[in-house]
C-alpha atoms as a PDB file:
ATOM      1  CA  MET A   1      11.986 -15.100  24.128  1.00  0.00           C
ATOM      2  CA  GLU A   2      15.194 -15.637  22.267  1.00  0.00           C
ATOM      3  CA  ARG A   3      14.857 -18.132  19.321  1.00  0.00           C
ATOM      4  CA  THR A   4      18.454 -18.299  18.743  1.00  0.00           C
ATOM      5  CA  ASN A   5      20.870 -19.847  20.961  1.00  0.00           C
ATOM      6  CA  ALA A   6      24.551 -19.436  19.259  1.00  0.00           C
ATOM      7  CA  LYS A   7      26.067 -22.054  21.772  1.00  0.00           C
ATOM      8  CA  LEU A   8      23.336 -24.566  21.425  1.00  0.00           C
ATOM      9  CA  ILE A   9      23.876 -24.322  17.582  1.00  0.00           C
ATOM     10  CA  LYS A  10      27.614 -24.373  17.724  1.00  0.00           C
ATOM     11  CA  ALA A  11      27.313 -27.429  19.915  1.00  0.00           C
ATOM     12  CA  PHE A  12      24.876 -29.085  17.430  1.00  0.00           C
ATOM     13  CA  ALA A  13      27.426 -28.163  14.407  1.00  0.00           C
ATOM     14  CA  LYS A  14      30.241 -29.675  16.145  1.00  0.00           C
ATOM     15  CA  VAL A  15      28.368 -33.181  17.450  1.00  0.00           C
ATOM     16  CA  LEU A  16      26.829 -33.344  13.800  1.00  0.00           C
ATOM     17  CA  LYS A  17      30.348 -33.143  12.179  1.00  0.00           C
ATOM     18  CA  ARG A  18      31.808 -35.410  14.682  1.00  0.00           C
ATOM     19  CA  ARG A  19      29.101 -38.156  14.081  1.00  0.00           C
ATOM     20  CA  ARG A  20      29.277 -37.698  10.345  1.00  0.00           C
ATOM     21  CA  ARG A  21      32.957 -38.435  10.236  1.00  0.00           C
ATOM     22  CA  ALA A  22      32.798 -41.215  12.723  1.00  0.00           C
ATOM     23  CA  ALA A  23      30.142 -42.752  10.593  1.00  0.00           C
ATOM     24  CA  GLY A  24      32.639 -42.473   7.603  1.00  0.00           C
ATOM     25  CA  LEU A  25      30.407 -40.360   5.512  1.00  0.00           C
ATOM     26  CA  SER A  26      31.023 -37.330   3.456  1.00  0.00           C
ATOM     27  CA  GLN A  27      28.621 -34.541   3.674  1.00  0.00           C
ATOM     28  CA  GLU A  28      27.590 -35.474   0.085  1.00  0.00           C
ATOM     29  CA  GLU A  29      26.660 -38.999   1.362  1.00  0.00           C
ATOM     30  CA  LEU A  30      24.862 -37.850   4.312  1.00  0.00           C
ATOM     31  CA  ALA A  31      22.875 -35.454   2.363  1.00  0.00           C
ATOM     32  CA  PHE A  32      21.869 -38.160  -0.207  1.00  0.00           C
ATOM     33  CA  ARG A  33      20.871 -40.555   2.773  1.00  0.00           C
ATOM     34  CA  THR A  34      18.673 -37.941   4.377  1.00  0.00           C
ATOM     35  CA  ASP A  35      17.400 -36.272   1.200  1.00  0.00           C
ATOM     36  CA  LEU A  36      19.043 -33.009   1.964  1.00  0.00           C
ATOM     37  CA  SER A  37      21.354 -30.857  -0.104  1.00  0.00           C
ATOM     38  CA  PRO A  38      25.057 -31.069   0.784  1.00  0.00           C
ATOM     39  CA  SER A  39      25.149 -27.312   1.030  1.00  0.00           C
ATOM     40  CA  TYR A  40      22.382 -27.659   3.740  1.00  0.00           C
ATOM     41  CA  ILE A  41      24.679 -30.244   5.652  1.00  0.00           C
ATOM     42  CA  SER A  42      27.533 -27.756   5.211  1.00  0.00           C
ATOM     43  CA  LEU A  43      25.267 -24.981   6.632  1.00  0.00           C
ATOM     44  CA  LEU A  44      24.574 -27.098   9.664  1.00  0.00           C
ATOM     45  CA  GLU A  45      28.168 -28.067  10.430  1.00  0.00           C
ATOM     46  CA  THR A  46      29.212 -24.382  10.279  1.00  0.00           C
ATOM     47  CA  ALA A  47      26.455 -23.410  12.641  1.00  0.00           C
ATOM     48  CA  ASN A  48      24.882 -21.163   9.975  1.00  0.00           C
ATOM     49  CA  ARG A  49      21.634 -23.042   9.902  1.00  0.00           C
ATOM     50  CA  GLN A  50      19.574 -24.916  12.588  1.00  0.00           C
ATOM     51  CA  PRO A  51      17.669 -28.191  11.941  1.00  0.00           C
ATOM     52  CA  THR A  52      13.868 -28.660  12.291  1.00  0.00           C
ATOM     53  CA  LEU A  53      12.873 -31.319  14.660  1.00  0.00           C
ATOM     54  CA  THR A  54      12.074 -33.527  11.610  1.00  0.00           C
ATOM     55  CA  VAL A  55      15.567 -32.946  10.255  1.00  0.00           C
ATOM     56  CA  LEU A  56      17.273 -33.451  13.720  1.00  0.00           C
ATOM     57  CA  ALA A  57      15.265 -36.994  13.828  1.00  0.00           C
ATOM     58  CA  GLU A  58      16.330 -37.959  10.239  1.00  0.00           C
ATOM     59  CA  LEU A  59      19.945 -37.289  10.813  1.00  0.00           C
ATOM     60  CA  SER A  60      19.791 -39.034  14.068  1.00  0.00           C
ATOM     61  CA  ASP A  61      18.418 -42.020  12.342  1.00  0.00           C
ATOM     62  CA  ARG A  62      20.809 -42.022   9.482  1.00  0.00           C
ATOM     63  CA  LEU A  63      23.880 -41.509  11.569  1.00  0.00           C
ATOM     64  CA  GLY A  64      22.628 -44.475  13.620  1.00  0.00           C
ATOM     65  CA  VAL A  65      22.113 -42.834  16.895  1.00  0.00           C
ATOM     66  CA  ASP A  66      19.148 -42.742  18.908  1.00  0.00           C
ATOM     67  CA  LEU A  67      17.674 -39.120  19.257  1.00  0.00           C
ATOM     68  CA  PRO A  68      17.877 -38.712  23.116  1.00  0.00           C
ATOM     69  CA  GLU A  69      21.387 -39.779  22.818  1.00  0.00           C
ATOM     70  CA  LEU A  70      22.159 -37.187  20.169  1.00  0.00           C
ATOM     71  CA  ILE A  71      20.460 -34.653  22.180  1.00  0.00           C
ATOM     72  CA  ALA A  72      22.288 -35.571  25.089  1.00  0.00           C
ATOM     73  CA  GLU A  73      25.753 -35.408  23.191  1.00  0.00           C
ATOM     74  CA  ILE A  74      24.734 -31.993  22.045  1.00  0.00           C
ATOM     75  CA  THR A  75      23.800 -30.855  25.529  1.00  0.00           C
ATOM     76  CA  ALA A  76      27.232 -32.319  26.980  1.00  0.00           C
ATOM     77  CA  GLU A  77      29.175 -30.283  23.954  1.00  0.00           C
ATOM     78  CA  GLN A  78      27.007 -27.242  24.956  1.00  0.00           C
ATOM     79  CA  ASN A  79      28.046 -27.560  28.420  1.00  0.00           C
ATOM     80  CA  GLY A  80      31.816 -28.068  27.752  1.00  0.00           C
ATOM     81  CA  GLN A  81      31.855 -31.671  28.662  1.00  0.00           C
ATOM     82  CA  PRO A  82      34.222 -33.893  26.738  1.00  0.00           C
ATOM     83  CA  PRO A  83      32.874 -36.108  23.906  1.00  0.00           C
ATOM     84  CA  ARG A  84      31.706 -39.631  24.536  1.00  0.00           C
ATOM     85  CA  ALA A  85      33.777 -42.489  23.598  1.00  0.00           C
END
């Protein structure tokens, strides 16, 4: 079973960056709020790392979006659908 999915990881990276910017947060501020390092946030946003489920839930919470909504947005991005307004 393939454990990496480049298209999914890239979709997550784009959504994370878009959501972070929409929230008016720098990578440093999001890192502080999630108790993660700024370099890890950068690696996530550049699709060089993928989050654990726990990290995904924490990011979702700190960005003010329900986890199912975030996952739906990532799925839409992966499928080439335009971002939600």
